[in-house]
Amino acid sequence: METKANLTNDDARVLENIVWDAISKHEASKQQNNDKIKLYTINSLAKKLGMAHKTVKTMCEKGFIATTASGLITEAALNDYLTTKNKVPWRK
């Protein structure tokens, strides 16, 4: 059974404003969350750490630095590496 609401034009405008406000707030919160996640390419991380690109790439391939499925490195993965880098054989 289908029920139709009888809205006046004013009611429809108020409802539309509520929906658009909710959508805007949701999109803004998504953008804030995306801004909090810092991503590095292998090259940019190598420059940041003062290492060769090949060294960072090898560390990623061997699992010393975690990467995303697309091969990027998160700030969290960088921090994990920096706190455990003494465990990497060639970084003493």
Protein backbone atom coordinates (compact mmCIF):
# COMPACT_ATOMS: atom_id res chain seq x y z
CA MET A 1 0.00 0.00 0.00
CA GLU A 2 1.47 3.35 -1.04
CA THR A 3 1.00 6.40 1.14
CA LYS A 4 1.43 9.89 -0.27
CA ALA A 5 2.26 12.81 1.96
CA ASN A 6 0.42 16.02 1.35
CA LEU A 7 3.12 18.67 1.70
CA THR A 8 2.63 22.33 1.16
CA ASN A 9 5.23 24.23 -0.82
CA ASP A 10 6.59 25.68 2.43
CA ASP A 11 6.86 22.19 3.97
CA ALA A 12 8.65 20.92 0.87
CA ARG A 13 11.16 23.79 1.00
CA VAL A 14 11.83 23.20 4.70
CA LEU A 15 12.34 19.48 4.08
CA GLU A 16 14.61 20.19 1.11
CA ASN A 17 16.72 22.55 3.24
CA ILE A 18 17.04 19.93 5.98
CA VAL A 19 18.16 17.29 3.49
CA TRP A 20 20.70 19.59 1.80
CA ASP A 21 22.06 20.67 5.18
CA ALA A 22 22.52 17.03 6.21
CA ILE A 23 24.25 16.19 2.93
CA SER A 24 26.55 19.20 3.24
CA LYS A 25 27.55 18.26 6.78
CA HIS A 26 28.20 14.68 5.73
CA GLU A 27 30.39 15.74 2.80
CA ALA A 28 32.32 18.15 5.03
CA SER A 29 33.00 15.43 7.59
CA LYS A 30 34.21 13.08 4.84
CA GLN A 31 36.60 15.77 3.60
CA GLN A 32 37.95 16.34 7.13
CA ASN A 33 38.62 12.61 7.50
CA ASN A 34 40.41 12.53 4.14
CA ASP A 35 42.52 15.52 5.15
CA LYS A 36 43.71 13.67 8.25
CA ILE A 37 45.18 10.76 6.27
CA LYS A 38 48.63 11.65 4.97
CA LEU A 39 49.85 9.46 2.11
CA TYR A 40 53.34 9.20 0.62
CA THR A 41 54.63 7.75 -2.61
CA ILE A 42 57.80 5.70 -2.38
CA ASN A 43 59.70 8.56 -3.97
CA SER A 44 58.34 11.25 -1.64
CA LEU A 45 59.04 9.07 1.40
CA ALA A 46 62.57 8.35 0.20
CA LYS A 47 63.20 12.09 -0.08
CA LYS A 48 61.66 12.73 3.35
CA LEU A 49 63.86 10.05 4.96
CA GLY A 50 66.99 10.92 2.94
CA MET A 51 67.14 7.41 1.48
CA ALA A 52 67.42 6.02 -2.00
CA HIS A 53 64.19 5.22 -3.82
CA LYS A 54 65.37 1.63 -4.30
CA THR A 55 65.98 1.20 -0.56
CA VAL A 56 62.49 2.35 0.39
CA LYS A 57 60.96 0.23 -2.39
CA THR A 58 62.83 -2.84 -1.14
CA MET A 59 61.71 -2.20 2.43
CA CYS A 60 58.10 -1.99 1.22
CA GLU A 61 58.44 -5.17 -0.82
CA LYS A 62 59.95 -7.02 2.16
CA GLY A 63 57.22 -5.76 4.48
CA PHE A 64 59.29 -3.47 6.67
CA ILE A 65 57.07 -0.57 5.58
CA ALA A 66 53.39 -1.34 5.00
CA THR A 67 51.72 0.01 1.87
CA THR A 68 48.15 0.38 0.72
CA ALA A 69 46.81 -1.76 -2.12
CA SER A 70 47.76 1.04 -4.51
CA GLY A 71 51.34 1.15 -3.21
CA LEU A 72 51.09 4.32 -1.14
CA ILE A 73 52.45 4.62 2.39
CA THR A 74 50.32 6.07 5.17
CA GLU A 75 51.59 8.31 7.95
CA ALA A 76 50.73 5.48 10.37
CA ALA A 77 52.88 3.01 8.41
CA LEU A 78 55.74 5.52 8.41
CA ASN A 79 55.43 5.96 12.17
CA ASP A 80 55.38 2.18 12.65
CA TYR A 81 58.59 1.90 10.64
CA LEU A 82 60.27 4.76 12.50
CA THR A 83 59.51 3.21 15.89
CA THR A 84 60.81 -0.21 14.84
CA LYS A 85 63.55 0.70 12.36
CA ASN A 86 66.24 -0.84 14.56
CA LYS A 87 64.76 -4.22 13.60
CA VAL A 88 65.56 -3.63 9.92
CA PRO A 89 68.89 -5.37 9.22
CA TRP A 90 70.47 -2.61 7.11
CA ARG A 91 69.27 0.32 9.30
CA LYS A 92 71.28 0.27 12.51
